C-alpha atoms as a PDB file:
ATOM      1  CA  MET A   1       0.000   0.000   0.000  1.00  0.00           C
ATOM      2  CA  LYS A   2       1.210   3.475  -0.881  1.00  0.00           C
ATOM      3  CA  ILE A   3       0.879   5.819   2.115  1.00  0.00           C
ATOM      4  CA  THR A   4       0.571   9.506   1.267  1.00  0.00           C
ATOM      5  CA  ASN A   5       0.693  12.505   3.587  1.00  0.00           C
ATOM      6  CA  LYS A   6      -1.206  15.226   1.769  1.00  0.00           C
ATOM      7  CA  THR A   7      -1.961  17.217   4.936  1.00  0.00           C
ATOM      8  CA  GLY A   8       1.639  17.250   6.181  1.00  0.00           C
ATOM      9  CA  LEU A   9       1.114  15.337   9.422  1.00  0.00           C
ATOM     10  CA  PRO A  10       4.194  14.526  11.557  1.00  0.00           C
ATOM     11  CA  GLN A  11       6.389  11.761  10.162  1.00  0.00           C
ATOM     12  CA  ALA A  12       5.578   9.550  13.166  1.00  0.00           C
ATOM     13  CA  PHE A  13       2.044   9.125  11.809  1.00  0.00           C
ATOM     14  CA  VAL A  14       3.394   8.009   8.447  1.00  0.00           C
ATOM     15  CA  GLN A  15       5.823   5.548  10.002  1.00  0.00           C
ATOM     16  CA  MET A  16       3.059   4.006  12.102  1.00  0.00           C
ATOM     17  CA  ALA A  17       0.843   3.641   9.022  1.00  0.00           C
ATOM     18  CA  GLN A  18       3.663   2.042   7.015  1.00  0.00           C
ATOM     19  CA  SER A  19       4.190  -0.642   9.656  1.00  0.00           C
ATOM     20  CA  ASP A  20       0.852  -2.217   8.776  1.00  0.00           C
ATOM     21  CA  TYR A  21       0.433  -5.975   8.276  1.00  0.00           C
ATOM     22  CA  MET A  22       1.819  -7.447   5.027  1.00  0.00           C
ATOM     23  CA  PRO A  23      -0.038 -10.539   3.748  1.00  0.00           C
ATOM     24  CA  THR A  24       1.677 -13.712   2.569  1.00  0.00           C
ATOM     25  CA  PRO A  25       0.255 -16.270   0.116  1.00  0.00           C
ATOM     26  CA  LYS A  26      -2.172 -18.845   1.530  1.00  0.00           C
ATOM     27  CA  ARG A  27      -1.971 -17.271   4.988  1.00  0.00           C
ATOM     28  CA  TYR A  28      -5.075 -15.461   6.178  1.00  0.00           C
ATOM     29  CA  SER A  29      -5.628 -13.703   9.471  1.00  0.00           C
ATOM     30  CA  ALA A  30      -8.758 -13.980  11.582  1.00  0.00           C
ATOM     31  CA  THR A  31      -9.770 -10.447  10.583  1.00  0.00           C
ATOM     32  CA  ALA A  32      -9.277 -11.275   6.876  1.00  0.00           C
ATOM     33  CA  LEU A  33     -11.597 -14.289   7.162  1.00  0.00           C
ATOM     34  CA  LEU A  34     -14.311 -12.025   8.522  1.00  0.00           C
ATOM     35  CA  LYS A  35     -14.118  -9.601   5.588  1.00  0.00           C
ATOM     36  CA  GLY A  36     -15.850 -10.027   2.262  1.00  0.00           C
ATOM     37  CA  ILE A  37     -13.947 -12.391  -0.038  1.00  0.00           C
ATOM     38  CA  ARG A  38     -13.875  -9.833  -2.865  1.00  0.00           C
ATOM     39  CA  GLU A  39     -12.377  -7.212  -0.552  1.00  0.00           C
ATOM     40  CA  VAL A  40      -9.677  -9.594   0.749  1.00  0.00           C
ATOM     41  CA  ILE A  41      -8.627 -10.821  -2.721  1.00  0.00           C
ATOM     42  CA  LEU A  42      -8.559  -7.317  -4.230  1.00  0.00           C
ATOM     43  CA  GLU A  43      -6.499  -5.982  -1.316  1.00  0.00           C
ATOM     44  CA  ARG A  44      -3.892  -8.680  -1.954  1.00  0.00           C
ATOM     45  CA  ARG A  45      -3.853  -8.428  -5.747  1.00  0.00           C
ATOM     46  CA  HIS A  46      -3.601  -4.658  -5.810  1.00  0.00           C
ATOM     47  CA  GLY A  47      -1.723  -4.024  -2.577  1.00  0.00           C
ATOM     48  CA  ASP A  48       1.122  -2.240  -4.370  1.00  0.00           C
ATOM     49  CA  GLU A  49      -1.337   0.000  -6.248  1.00  0.00           C
ATOM     50  CA  ILE A  50      -3.692   0.945  -3.417  1.00  0.00           C
ATOM     51  CA  GLU A  51      -3.111   4.477  -2.191  1.00  0.00           C
ATOM     52  CA  GLN A  52      -4.306   5.777   1.156  1.00  0.00           C
ATOM     53  CA  ASP A  53      -3.596   9.058   2.883  1.00  0.00           C
ATOM     54  CA  VAL A  54      -2.474   8.943   6.485  1.00  0.00           C
ATOM     55  CA  SER A  55      -5.176  11.505   7.368  1.00  0.00           C
ATOM     56  CA  ASP A  56      -7.809   8.880   6.470  1.00  0.00           C
ATOM     57  CA  MET A  57      -6.178   6.369   8.832  1.00  0.00           C
ATOM     58  CA  ILE A  58      -6.299   8.414  12.047  1.00  0.00           C
ATOM     59  CA  TRP A  59      -8.708   6.156  13.922  1.00  0.00           C
ATOM     60  CA  LEU A  60      -6.830   3.056  12.785  1.00  0.00           C
ATOM     61  CA  LEU A  61      -3.635   4.612  14.094  1.00  0.00           C
ATOM     62  CA  PHE A  62      -5.432   5.604  17.308  1.00  0.00           C
ATOM     63  CA  GLY A  63      -6.307   1.951  17.870  1.00  0.00           C
ATOM     64  CA  THR A  64      -2.692   0.967  17.213  1.00  0.00           C
ATOM     65  CA  ALA A  65      -1.507   3.582  19.717  1.00  0.00           C
ATOM     66  CA  VAL A  66      -3.899   2.255  22.381  1.00  0.00           C
ATOM     67  CA  HIS A  67      -2.541  -1.262  21.841  1.00  0.00           C
ATOM     68  CA  SER A  68       1.013   0.057  22.132  1.00  0.00           C
ATOM     69  CA  VAL A  69       0.263   1.655  25.505  1.00  0.00           C
ATOM     70  CA  LEU A  70      -1.439  -1.473  26.853  1.00  0.00           C
ATOM     71  CA  GLU A  71       1.470  -3.639  25.713  1.00  0.00           C
ATOM     72  CA  HIS A  72       3.503  -2.132  28.543  1.00  0.00           C
ATOM     73  CA  GLN A  73       1.261  -3.473  31.286  1.00  0.00           C
ATOM     74  CA  THR A  74       2.846  -6.088  33.525  1.00  0.00           C
ATOM     75  CA  GLU A  75       1.303  -9.491  33.020  1.00  0.00           C
ATOM     76  CA  GLY A  76       0.671 -11.951  35.839  1.00  0.00           C
ATOM     77  CA  GLU A  77       2.412 -15.287  36.311  1.00  0.00           C
ATOM     78  CA  THR A  78      -0.215 -17.119  34.250  1.00  0.00           C
ATOM     79  CA  GLU A  79      -0.571 -14.488  31.520  1.00  0.00           C
ATOM     80  CA  PHE A  80       1.193 -13.621  28.290  1.00  0.00           C
ATOM     81  CA  LYS A  81       0.364 -10.905  25.790  1.00  0.00           C
ATOM     82  CA  GLU A  82       0.658  -9.725  22.186  1.00  0.00           C
ATOM     83  CA  ALA A  83       1.236 -13.150  20.673  1.00  0.00           C
ATOM     84  CA  PHE A  84       1.042 -14.306  17.050  1.00  0.00           C
ATOM     85  CA  VAL A  85      -0.347 -17.819  16.605  1.00  0.00           C
ATOM     86  CA  ASP A  86      -0.862 -19.989  13.516  1.00  0.00           C
ATOM     87  CA  MET A  87      -2.940 -23.043  12.650  1.00  0.00           C
ATOM     88  CA  PRO A  88      -2.685 -25.100   9.430  1.00  0.00           C
ATOM     89  CA  VAL A  89      -5.951 -25.822   7.618  1.00  0.00           C
ATOM     90  CA  GLY A  90      -5.299 -27.916   4.527  1.00  0.00           C
ATOM     91  CA  ASP A  91      -3.021 -25.959   2.191  1.00  0.00           C
ATOM     92  CA  TYR A  92      -3.686 -22.735   4.106  1.00  0.00           C
ATOM     93  CA  THR A  93      -2.670 -21.195   7.405  1.00  0.00           C
ATOM     94  CA  VAL A  94      -4.983 -19.232   9.681  1.00  0.00           C
ATOM     95  CA  SER A  95      -3.231 -16.690  11.877  1.00  0.00           C
ATOM     96  CA  GLY A  96      -4.206 -14.524  14.806  1.00  0.00           C
ATOM     97  CA  ARG A  97      -2.740 -11.865  17.019  1.00  0.00           C
ATOM     98  CA  PHE A  98      -4.471 -11.440  20.352  1.00  0.00           C
ATOM     99  CA  ASP A  99      -3.678  -9.039  23.174  1.00  0.00           C
ATOM    100  CA  LEU A 100      -3.699 -11.189  26.310  1.00  0.00           C
ATOM    101  CA  TYR A 101      -4.073 -14.830  27.353  1.00  0.00           C
ATOM    102  CA  ASP A 102      -4.623 -15.972  30.934  1.00  0.00           C
ATOM    103  CA  ALA A 103      -3.903 -19.662  31.421  1.00  0.00           C
ATOM    104  CA  ALA A 104      -5.418 -19.699  34.919  1.00  0.00           C
ATOM    105  CA  THR A 105      -8.852 -18.606  33.708  1.00  0.00           C
ATOM    106  CA  GLU A 106      -8.425 -19.937  30.140  1.00  0.00           C
ATOM    107  CA  THR A 107      -9.462 -16.518  28.836  1.00  0.00           C
ATOM    108  CA  ILE A 108      -8.285 -14.696  25.731  1.00  0.00           C
ATOM    109  CA  THR A 109      -8.604 -10.895  25.675  1.00  0.00           C
ATOM    110  CA  ASP A 110      -8.602  -8.384  22.846  1.00  0.00           C
ATOM    111  CA  TYR A 111      -8.652  -4.590  23.129  1.00  0.00           C
ATOM    112  CA  LYS A 112     -10.868  -2.698  20.675  1.00  0.00           C
ATOM    113  CA  THR A 113     -11.428   0.953  19.872  1.00  0.00           C
ATOM    114  CA  CYS A 114     -14.890   1.586  18.477  1.00  0.00           C
ATOM    115  CA  SER A 115     -17.748   4.013  18.089  1.00  0.00           C
ATOM    116  CA  VAL A 116     -20.167   4.333  20.983  1.00  0.00           C
ATOM    117  CA  TRP A 117     -22.901   3.229  18.564  1.00  0.00           C
ATOM    118  CA  LYS A 118     -21.465  -0.282  18.357  1.00  0.00           C
ATOM    119  CA  VAL A 119     -22.044  -0.625  22.095  1.00  0.00           C
ATOM    120  CA  ILE A 120     -25.462   1.042  21.982  1.00  0.00           C
ATOM    121  CA  TYR A 121     -26.625  -1.384  19.271  1.00  0.00           C
ATOM    122  CA  GLY A 122     -24.913  -4.364  20.931  1.00  0.00           C
ATOM    123  CA  ASP A 123     -23.404  -5.333  17.585  1.00  0.00           C
ATOM    124  CA  TYR A 124     -20.760  -7.807  18.784  1.00  0.00           C
ATOM    125  CA  GLU A 125     -21.040 -10.836  16.485  1.00  0.00           C
ATOM    126  CA  ASP A 126     -17.887  -9.982  14.506  1.00  0.00           C
ATOM    127  CA  TRP A 127     -15.920  -9.621  17.760  1.00  0.00           C
ATOM    128  CA  ARG A 128     -17.268 -12.927  19.063  1.00  0.00           C
ATOM    129  CA  LYS A 129     -16.258 -14.698  15.851  1.00  0.00           C
ATOM    130  CA  GLN A 130     -12.796 -13.157  15.908  1.00  0.00           C
ATOM    131  CA  LEU A 131     -12.232 -14.286  19.509  1.00  0.00           C
ATOM    132  CA  LEU A 132     -13.498 -17.764  18.599  1.00  0.00           C
ATOM    133  CA  ILE A 133     -10.971 -18.004  15.770  1.00  0.00           C
ATOM    134  CA  TYR A 134      -8.194 -16.947  18.170  1.00  0.00           C
ATOM    135  CA  ALA A 135      -9.455 -19.490  20.707  1.00  0.00           C
ATOM    136  CA  THR A 136      -9.504 -22.247  18.076  1.00  0.00           C
ATOM    137  CA  ILE A 137      -5.896 -21.528  17.115  1.00  0.00           C
ATOM    138  CA  MET A 138      -4.844 -21.408  20.770  1.00  0.00           C
ATOM    139  CA  ASN A 139      -6.554 -24.747  21.450  1.00  0.00           C
ATOM    140  CA  TYR A 140      -4.638 -26.213  18.509  1.00  0.00           C
ATOM    141  CA  CYS A 141      -1.384 -24.829  19.967  1.00  0.00           C
ATOM    142  CA  GLY A 142      -2.074 -26.500  23.306  1.00  0.00           C
ATOM    143  CA  PHE A 143      -3.406 -23.516  25.246  1.00  0.00           C
ATOM    144  CA  PRO A 144      -7.047 -24.193  26.197  1.00  0.00           C
ATOM    145  CA  VAL A 145      -9.525 -21.336  25.871  1.00  0.00           C
ATOM    146  CA  LYS A 146     -13.024 -21.406  27.320  1.00  0.00           C
ATOM    147  CA  HIS A 147     -13.747 -17.682  27.569  1.00  0.00           C
ATOM    148  CA  GLY A 148     -13.275 -14.571  25.464  1.00  0.00           C
ATOM    149  CA  GLN A 149     -13.107 -10.971  26.599  1.00  0.00           C
ATOM    150  CA  ILE A 150     -13.304  -7.708  24.693  1.00  0.00           C
ATOM    151  CA  VAL A 151     -12.245  -4.445  26.315  1.00  0.00           C
ATOM    152  CA  ALA A 152     -14.072  -1.890  24.158  1.00  0.00           C
ATOM    153  CA  ILE A 153     -12.830   1.721  24.276  1.00  0.00           C
ATOM    154  CA  MET A 154     -15.376   4.138  22.806  1.00  0.00           C
ATOM    155  CA  LYS A 155     -13.468   6.919  21.075  1.00  0.00           C
ATOM    156  CA  ASP A 156     -16.523   9.178  20.613  1.00  0.00           C
ATOM    157  CA  HIS A 157     -18.089   8.738  24.063  1.00  0.00           C
ATOM    158  CA  GLN A 158     -19.744  11.919  25.401  1.00  0.00           C
ATOM    159  CA  LYS A 159     -19.775  12.457  29.148  1.00  0.00           C
ATOM    160  CA  THR A 160     -22.666  14.938  28.918  1.00  0.00           C
ATOM    161  CA  LYS A 161     -24.913  12.394  27.212  1.00  0.00           C
ATOM    162  CA  ALA A 162     -24.013   9.818  29.847  1.00  0.00           C
ATOM    163  CA  LYS A 163     -25.148  12.213  32.589  1.00  0.00           C
ATOM    164  CA  ASN A 164     -28.460  13.017  30.914  1.00  0.00           C
ATOM    165  CA  ASP A 165     -29.402   9.606  29.461  1.00  0.00           C
ATOM    166  CA  SER A 166     -29.289   6.461  31.581  1.00  0.00           C
ATOM    167  CA  SER A 167     -29.554   4.255  28.457  1.00  0.00           C
ATOM    168  CA  TYR A 168     -26.354   5.772  27.033  1.00  0.00           C
ATOM    169  CA  PRO A 169     -23.078   3.979  27.964  1.00  0.00           C
ATOM    170  CA  GLN A 170     -22.121   5.509  31.293  1.00  0.00           C
ATOM    171  CA  LEU A 171     -18.364   5.022  30.855  1.00  0.00           C
ATOM    172  CA  PRO A 172     -16.097   5.276  27.777  1.00  0.00           C
ATOM    173  CA  VAL A 173     -14.918   1.696  28.276  1.00  0.00           C
ATOM    174  CA  ARG A 174     -16.873  -1.546  28.553  1.00  0.00           C
ATOM    175  CA  THR A 175     -15.785  -5.139  29.138  1.00  0.00           C
ATOM    176  CA  LEU A 176     -17.678  -7.830  27.233  1.00  0.00           C
ATOM    177  CA  LEU A 177     -17.450 -11.481  28.235  1.00  0.00           C
ATOM    178  CA  PHE A 178     -18.152 -14.534  26.070  1.00  0.00           C
ATOM    179  CA  ASP A 179     -18.308 -18.148  27.228  1.00  0.00           C
ATOM    180  CA  PHE A 180     -17.416 -20.670  24.544  1.00  0.00           C
ATOM    181  CA  LYS A 181     -19.137 -24.060  24.299  1.00  0.00           C
ATOM    182  CA  ASP A 182     -18.248 -27.098  22.181  1.00  0.00           C
ATOM    183  CA  SER A 183     -20.997 -26.091  19.730  1.00  0.00           C
ATOM    184  CA  ASP A 184     -19.329 -22.683  19.293  1.00  0.00           C
ATOM    185  CA  PHE A 185     -16.061 -24.330  18.269  1.00  0.00           C
ATOM    186  CA  GLU A 186     -17.889 -26.678  15.900  1.00  0.00           C
ATOM    187  CA  GLU A 187     -19.548 -23.631  14.329  1.00  0.00           C
ATOM    188  CA  ILE A 188     -16.332 -21.640  13.907  1.00  0.00           C
ATOM    189  CA  ASN A 189     -14.363 -24.619  12.576  1.00  0.00           C
ATOM    190  CA  ALA A 190     -17.018 -25.164   9.917  1.00  0.00           C
ATOM    191  CA  PHE A 191     -16.894 -21.430   9.110  1.00  0.00           C
ATOM    192  CA  ILE A 192     -13.088 -21.472   8.739  1.00  0.00           C
ATOM    193  CA  VAL A 193     -13.098 -24.487   6.425  1.00  0.00           C
ATOM    194  CA  GLU A 194     -15.917 -23.098   4.294  1.00  0.00           C
ATOM    195  CA  ARG A 195     -14.393 -19.619   4.081  1.00  0.00           C
ATOM    196  CA  LEU A 196     -10.984 -20.963   3.027  1.00  0.00           C
ATOM    197  CA  SER A 197     -12.685 -23.125   0.391  1.00  0.00           C
ATOM    198  CA  GLU A 198     -14.458 -20.032  -0.951  1.00  0.00           C
ATOM    199  CA  ILE A 199     -11.180 -18.083  -0.938  1.00  0.00           C
ATOM    200  CA  ALA A 200      -9.384 -20.901  -2.794  1.00  0.00           C
ATOM    201  CA  ALA A 201     -12.046 -20.788  -5.524  1.00  0.00           C
ATOM    202  CA  ALA A 202     -11.998 -16.979  -5.658  1.00  0.00           C
ATOM    203  CA  GLU A 203      -8.218 -16.830  -6.051  1.00  0.00           C
ATOM    204  CA  LYS A 204      -8.662 -18.383  -9.516  1.00  0.00           C
ATOM    205  CA  LEU A 205     -11.214 -15.794 -10.708  1.00  0.00           C
ATOM    206  CA  PRO A 206     -10.576 -12.450 -12.449  1.00  0.00           C
ATOM    207  CA  ASP A 207     -11.412  -9.314 -10.459  1.00  0.00           C
ATOM    208  CA  GLU A 208     -14.811  -8.692 -12.020  1.00  0.00           C
ATOM    209  CA  GLU A 209     -15.990 -12.262 -11.343  1.00  0.00           C
ATOM    210  CA  LEU A 210     -15.143 -12.316  -7.646  1.00  0.00           C
ATOM    211  CA  PRO A 211     -18.219 -12.878  -5.425  1.00  0.00           C
ATOM    212  CA  VAL A 212     -19.775  -9.562  -4.436  1.00  0.00           C
ATOM    213  CA  CYS A 213     -19.592  -8.866  -0.712  1.00  0.00           C
ATOM    214  CA  THR A 214     -22.816  -9.570   1.177  1.00  0.00           C
ATOM    215  CA  LEU A 215     -25.094  -6.828   2.502  1.00  0.00           C
ATOM    216  CA  ASP A 216     -23.600  -7.223   5.975  1.00  0.00           C
ATOM    217  CA  GLU A 217     -20.043  -7.182   4.609  1.00  0.00           C
ATOM    218  CA  ARG A 218     -20.859  -3.965   2.743  1.00  0.00           C
ATOM    219  CA  PHE A 219     -22.346  -2.432   5.917  1.00  0.00           C
ATOM    220  CA  ASN A 220     -25.502  -1.917   3.871  1.00  0.00           C
ATOM    221  CA  SER A 221     -28.062   0.197   5.713  1.00  0.00           C
ATOM    222  CA  GLY A 222     -30.963  -1.744   4.168  1.00  0.00           C
ATOM    223  CA  ASP A 223     -33.556  -0.720   1.576  1.00  0.00           C
ATOM    224  CA  LYS A 224     -36.303   1.611   2.744  1.00  0.00           C
ATOM    225  CA  TYR A 225     -39.782   2.092   1.285  1.00  0.00           C
ATOM    226  CA  ALA A 226     -41.240   5.584   1.344  1.00  0.00           C
ATOM    227  CA  VAL A 227     -44.974   6.194   1.067  1.00  0.00           C
ATOM    228  CA  MET A 228     -45.281   9.281  -1.136  1.00  0.00           C
ATOM    229  CA  LYS A 229     -48.017  11.743  -2.091  1.00  0.00           C
ATOM    230  CA  LYS A 230     -48.087  13.487  -5.458  1.00  0.00           C
ATOM    231  CA  GLY A 231     -46.949  17.094  -5.235  1.00  0.00           C
ATOM    232  CA  ARG A 232     -45.154  16.493  -1.918  1.00  0.00           C
ATOM    233  CA  LYS A 233     -41.365  16.112  -1.788  1.00  0.00           C
ATOM    234  CA  THR A 234     -41.078  14.461   1.617  1.00  0.00           C
ATOM    235  CA  ALA A 235     -42.429  11.025   2.466  1.00  0.00           C
ATOM    236  CA  LEU A 236     -45.586  10.462   4.477  1.00  0.00           C
ATOM    237  CA  ARG A 237     -43.868   7.507   6.122  1.00  0.00           C
ATOM    238  CA  VAL A 238     -40.681   5.478   5.575  1.00  0.00           C
ATOM    239  CA  LEU A 239     -40.765   1.750   6.375  1.00  0.00           C
ATOM    240  CA  ASP A 240     -38.370  -1.202   6.236  1.00  0.00           C
ATOM    241  CA  SER A 241     -40.324  -3.472   3.873  1.00  0.00           C
ATOM    242  CA  ALA A 242     -42.548  -3.167   0.813  1.00  0.00           C
ATOM    243  CA  GLU A 243     -45.281  -5.110   2.612  1.00  0.00           C
ATOM    244  CA  ALA A 244     -45.299  -2.717   5.567  1.00  0.00           C
ATOM    245  CA  ALA A 245     -45.353   0.264   3.230  1.00  0.00           C
ATOM    246  CA  ASP A 246     -48.300  -1.194   1.255  1.00  0.00           C
ATOM    247  CA  GLU A 247     -50.222  -1.830   4.453  1.00  0.00           C
ATOM    248  CA  TRP A 248     -49.556   1.676   5.772  1.00  0.00           C
ATOM    249  CA  LYS A 249     -50.635   3.225   2.439  1.00  0.00           C
ATOM    250  CA  GLU A 250     -53.880   1.238   2.452  1.00  0.00           C
ATOM    251  CA  GLN A 251     -54.719   2.386   5.972  1.00  0.00           C
ATOM    252  CA  ASN A 252     -53.479   5.974   5.877  1.00  0.00           C
ATOM    253  CA  GLY A 253     -53.426   7.041   2.248  1.00  0.00           C
ATOM    254  CA  GLY A 254     -50.694   7.913  -0.228  1.00  0.00           C
ATOM    255  CA  ASP A 255     -50.259   7.719  -3.982  1.00  0.00           C
ATOM    256  CA  TYR A 256     -47.203   5.536  -4.542  1.00  0.00           C
ATOM    257  CA  ILE A 257     -44.271   3.834  -2.850  1.00  0.00           C
ATOM    258  CA  GLU A 258     -40.714   4.908  -3.580  1.00  0.00           C
ATOM    259  CA  LEU A 259     -37.807   2.498  -3.110  1.00  0.00           C
ATOM    260  CA  ARG A 260     -34.815   4.058  -1.391  1.00  0.00           C
ATOM    261  CA  PRO A 261     -31.862   1.659  -1.846  1.00  0.00           C
ATOM    262  CA  GLY A 262     -29.670   1.046   1.179  1.00  0.00           C
ATOM    263  CA  GLU A 263     -26.249   2.684   1.255  1.00  0.00           C
ATOM    264  CA  ASP A 264     -23.116   0.500   1.088  1.00  0.00           C
ATOM    265  CA  LYS A 265     -21.183   2.282   3.841  1.00  0.00           C
ATOM    266  CA  LYS A 266     -18.188  -0.075   3.804  1.00  0.00           C
ATOM    267  CA  CYS A 267     -17.719   0.366   0.059  1.00  0.00           C
ATOM    268  CA  LYS A 268     -18.104   4.107   0.274  1.00  0.00           C
ATOM    269  CA  ASP A 269     -15.913   4.933   3.253  1.00  0.00           C
ATOM    270  CA  TYR A 270     -13.973   1.958   4.594  1.00  0.00           C
ATOM    271  CA  CYS A 271     -12.782  -0.334   1.781  1.00  0.00           C
ATOM    272  CA  SER A 272      -9.209   0.366   0.671  1.00  0.00           C
ATOM    273  CA  ALA A 273      -9.629  -1.753  -2.477  1.00  0.00           C
ATOM    274  CA  CYS A 274     -12.808  -0.055  -3.703  1.00  0.00           C
ATOM    275  CA  GLU A 275     -11.167   1.598  -6.739  1.00  0.00           C
ATOM    276  CA  PHE A 276     -10.399  -1.877  -8.100  1.00  0.00           C
ATOM    277  CA  CYS A 277     -13.923  -3.220  -7.487  1.00  0.00           C
ATOM    278  CA  SER A 278     -16.393  -3.391 -10.384  1.00  0.00           C
ATOM    279  CA  TYR A 279     -19.371  -3.412  -7.976  1.00  0.00           C
ATOM    280  CA  TYR A 280     -18.149  -0.169  -6.359  1.00  0.00           C
ATOM    281  CA  LYS A 281     -17.616   1.521  -9.691  1.00  0.00           C
ATOM    282  CA  GLU A 282     -21.062   0.563 -10.992  1.00  0.00           C
ATOM    283  CA  HIS A 283     -23.272   0.834  -7.910  1.00  0.00           C
ATOM    284  CA  VAL A 284     -21.568   3.144  -5.417  1.00  0.00           C
ATOM    285  CA  LYS A 285     -19.087   5.562  -6.979  1.00  0.00           C
ATOM    286  CA  GLY A 286     -21.470   6.894  -9.607  1.00  0.00           C
ATOM    287  CA  ALA A 287     -24.574   6.833  -7.416  1.00  0.00           C
END
């Protein structure tokens, strides 16, 4: 990846951005497995062509800085931290880098920086899966894991809102605990094998034939259906399904229903390989 510095930020920012992870053939990290296959393949194929300005990576660098600070904590006698672990799966290798492992409690911990909205919505499935992949690799390496822990640091937490709204996260940090059962490991093992099989097939395809990322992988906001009235610019009501919109129109009036396609937020703002993606060029960039 080519790192630019168009806003003239201090060189330390650039150096931190340039120290990012470099992929190797047939080796995929836990985070890569959780991305869309098209995104992962395009990032690898066009890594030397992708250009990103350091100013667009501030929150990524913030997360890296937080990890760097926490690395200096003193671990207990049964703990070790910041470890890279690998597990062979057929012709591939699955890798992970977790923040802390406690052998006494058989718990693996990862620190995350996030938006307060992730905590408000309770949207933790990607974190749970990532911890499960780490746990699976650790079990393979001979270090049993039965629990996962996320320490979530909310970078946009507002103390004023916390004081005035009891439903708002009261502190800028929250610890999330996950207990892993045998069925969880069966689920994640099946996911790993299936995802690597899909990646193996995708590696043989040209860019434009790669499977399009799913709605969830594109952070799609979901289609909305607006009940409209002729001569009026704003909707009478906006609903999540065509059926609900039809029912509302029948009961409350309106002339027609307007489809408002969901926005692909990942493609638009968070995918570094988007300029090499035919779906992005056709459906997002020109929209």
